Amino acid sequence: MTREEAIARIKEHKNIHKMNEPRAILISEALDIAIEALEQEPILDKIRTEIIDKYMTATGEVNTVAKGCLQIIDKYKAESEPQESEEK
């Protein structure tokens, strides 16, 4: 499931279950926080973009140190994202 799909399902759940009953207010607030967290751009993507912006040359290449940094970011990003077999 993608982040966008998760956000849509949470919003749908809130609409279906009329989360305005007194006992449901805390749950509704927790779901709002979950939506906000899902809507944020992942930090590794922000770091990766900043490295590319800062170290890209006029030829479109990135220096060797920056390439190493990007490889490390990609490694940890791959480890933190669920695999397709885990999603199902």
C-alpha atoms as a PDB file:
ATOM      1  CA  MET A   1       0.000   0.000   0.000  1.00  0.00           C
ATOM      2  CA  THR A   2       1.344   3.420  -0.881  1.00  0.00           C
ATOM      3  CA  ARG A   3       1.304   6.429   1.435  1.00  0.00           C
ATOM      4  CA  GLU A   4      -1.381   7.994  -0.736  1.00  0.00           C
ATOM      5  CA  GLU A   5      -3.565   4.890  -0.471  1.00  0.00           C
ATOM      6  CA  ALA A   6      -3.123   4.811   3.306  1.00  0.00           C
ATOM      7  CA  ILE A   7      -4.131   8.462   3.590  1.00  0.00           C
ATOM      8  CA  ALA A   8      -7.222   7.840   1.459  1.00  0.00           C
ATOM      9  CA  ARG A   9      -8.246   4.827   3.576  1.00  0.00           C
ATOM     10  CA  ILE A  10      -7.827   6.721   6.849  1.00  0.00           C
ATOM     11  CA  LYS A  11      -9.900   9.644   5.539  1.00  0.00           C
ATOM     12  CA  GLU A  12     -12.566   7.250   4.263  1.00  0.00           C
ATOM     13  CA  HIS A  13     -12.666   5.513   7.651  1.00  0.00           C
ATOM     14  CA  LYS A  14     -13.146   8.842   9.416  1.00  0.00           C
ATOM     15  CA  ASN A  15     -16.004   9.787   7.076  1.00  0.00           C
ATOM     16  CA  ILE A  16     -17.767   6.433   7.347  1.00  0.00           C
ATOM     17  CA  HIS A  17     -17.575   6.206  11.120  1.00  0.00           C
ATOM     18  CA  LYS A  18     -18.587   9.800  11.901  1.00  0.00           C
ATOM     19  CA  MET A  19     -15.678  10.437  14.229  1.00  0.00           C
ATOM     20  CA  ASN A  20     -17.488  13.244  16.079  1.00  0.00           C
ATOM     21  CA  GLU A  21     -18.898  11.219  18.971  1.00  0.00           C
ATOM     22  CA  PRO A  22     -17.322  12.175  22.322  1.00  0.00           C
ATOM     23  CA  ARG A  23     -15.573   8.811  22.764  1.00  0.00           C
ATOM     24  CA  ALA A  24     -14.213   8.936  19.228  1.00  0.00           C
ATOM     25  CA  ILE A  25     -12.598  12.362  19.450  1.00  0.00           C
ATOM     26  CA  LEU A  26      -9.247  10.981  20.660  1.00  0.00           C
ATOM     27  CA  ILE A  27      -9.245   8.386  17.896  1.00  0.00           C
ATOM     28  CA  SER A  28     -10.065  11.081  15.354  1.00  0.00           C
ATOM     29  CA  GLU A  29      -7.187  13.227  16.605  1.00  0.00           C
ATOM     30  CA  ALA A  30      -4.814  10.246  16.386  1.00  0.00           C
ATOM     31  CA  LEU A  31      -5.951   9.578  12.813  1.00  0.00           C
ATOM     32  CA  ASP A  32      -5.333  13.241  11.924  1.00  0.00           C
ATOM     33  CA  ILE A  33      -1.772  12.936  13.259  1.00  0.00           C
ATOM     34  CA  ALA A  34      -1.266   9.763  11.229  1.00  0.00           C
ATOM     35  CA  ILE A  35      -2.446  11.548   8.078  1.00  0.00           C
ATOM     36  CA  GLU A  36      -0.053  14.453   8.740  1.00  0.00           C
ATOM     37  CA  ALA A  37       2.852  12.057   9.217  1.00  0.00           C
ATOM     38  CA  LEU A  38       2.035  10.202   6.010  1.00  0.00           C
ATOM     39  CA  GLU A  39       1.772  13.458   4.055  1.00  0.00           C
ATOM     40  CA  GLN A  40       5.291  14.563   4.999  1.00  0.00           C
ATOM     41  CA  GLU A  41       8.022  13.965   2.462  1.00  0.00           C
ATOM     42  CA  PRO A  42      10.398  11.286   3.758  1.00  0.00           C
ATOM     43  CA  ILE A  43      13.554  12.835   5.216  1.00  0.00           C
ATOM     44  CA  LEU A  44      15.904  10.633   3.183  1.00  0.00           C
ATOM     45  CA  ASP A  45      14.364  12.003  -0.022  1.00  0.00           C
ATOM     46  CA  LYS A  46      14.936  15.560   1.191  1.00  0.00           C
ATOM     47  CA  ILE A  47      18.575  14.834   2.064  1.00  0.00           C
ATOM     48  CA  ARG A  48      19.166  13.111  -1.279  1.00  0.00           C
ATOM     49  CA  THR A  49      17.715  16.054  -3.214  1.00  0.00           C
ATOM     50  CA  GLU A  50      19.801  18.546  -1.265  1.00  0.00           C
ATOM     51  CA  ILE A  51      23.037  16.618  -1.939  1.00  0.00           C
ATOM     52  CA  ILE A  52      22.274  16.434  -5.658  1.00  0.00           C
ATOM     53  CA  ASP A  53      21.393  20.149  -5.801  1.00  0.00           C
ATOM     54  CA  LYS A  54      24.545  21.151  -3.961  1.00  0.00           C
ATOM     55  CA  TYR A  55      27.091  18.856  -5.632  1.00  0.00           C
ATOM     56  CA  MET A  56      25.853  18.466  -9.210  1.00  0.00           C
ATOM     57  CA  THR A  57      28.261  19.845 -11.774  1.00  0.00           C
ATOM     58  CA  ALA A  58      27.429  21.657 -14.991  1.00  0.00           C
ATOM     59  CA  THR A  59      27.737  18.323 -16.842  1.00  0.00           C
ATOM     60  CA  GLY A  60      25.075  16.733 -14.655  1.00  0.00           C
ATOM     61  CA  GLU A  61      27.538  14.592 -12.716  1.00  0.00           C
ATOM     62  CA  VAL A  62      27.946  14.405  -8.957  1.00  0.00           C
ATOM     63  CA  ASN A  63      31.405  14.184  -7.367  1.00  0.00           C
ATOM     64  CA  THR A  64      32.686  10.893  -5.964  1.00  0.00           C
ATOM     65  CA  VAL A  65      32.059  11.728  -2.308  1.00  0.00           C
ATOM     66  CA  ALA A  66      28.506  12.843  -3.049  1.00  0.00           C
ATOM     67  CA  LYS A  67      27.911   9.643  -5.055  1.00  0.00           C
ATOM     68  CA  GLY A  68      29.000   7.647  -2.015  1.00  0.00           C
ATOM     69  CA  CYS A  69      26.584   9.598   0.163  1.00  0.00           C
ATOM     70  CA  LEU A  70      23.740   8.961  -2.280  1.00  0.00           C
ATOM     71  CA  GLN A  71      24.511   5.230  -2.262  1.00  0.00           C
ATOM     72  CA  ILE A  72      24.329   5.159   1.537  1.00  0.00           C
ATOM     73  CA  ILE A  73      21.016   7.028   1.504  1.00  0.00           C
ATOM     74  CA  ASP A  74      19.614   4.659  -1.115  1.00  0.00           C
ATOM     75  CA  LYS A  75      20.718   1.664   0.979  1.00  0.00           C
ATOM     76  CA  TYR A  76      18.918   2.896   4.092  1.00  0.00           C
ATOM     77  CA  LYS A  77      15.890   4.002   2.115  1.00  0.00           C
ATOM     78  CA  ALA A  78      15.565   0.523   0.605  1.00  0.00           C
ATOM     79  CA  GLU A  79      15.872  -1.037   4.065  1.00  0.00           C
ATOM     80  CA  SER A  80      13.198   1.243   5.526  1.00  0.00           C
ATOM     81  CA  GLU A  81      10.626   0.711   2.787  1.00  0.00           C
ATOM     82  CA  PRO A  82       8.400  -2.383   2.947  1.00  0.00           C
ATOM     83  CA  GLN A  83       9.101  -5.004   0.325  1.00  0.00           C
ATOM     84  CA  GLU A  84       6.303  -5.962  -2.086  1.00  0.00           C
ATOM     85  CA  SER A  85       5.932  -9.391  -0.495  1.00  0.00           C
ATOM     86  CA  GLU A  86       5.497  -7.765   2.942  1.00  0.00           C
ATOM     87  CA  GLU A  87       2.777  -5.412   1.656  1.00  0.00           C
ATOM     88  CA  LYS A  88       0.464  -8.200   0.584  1.00  0.00           C
END
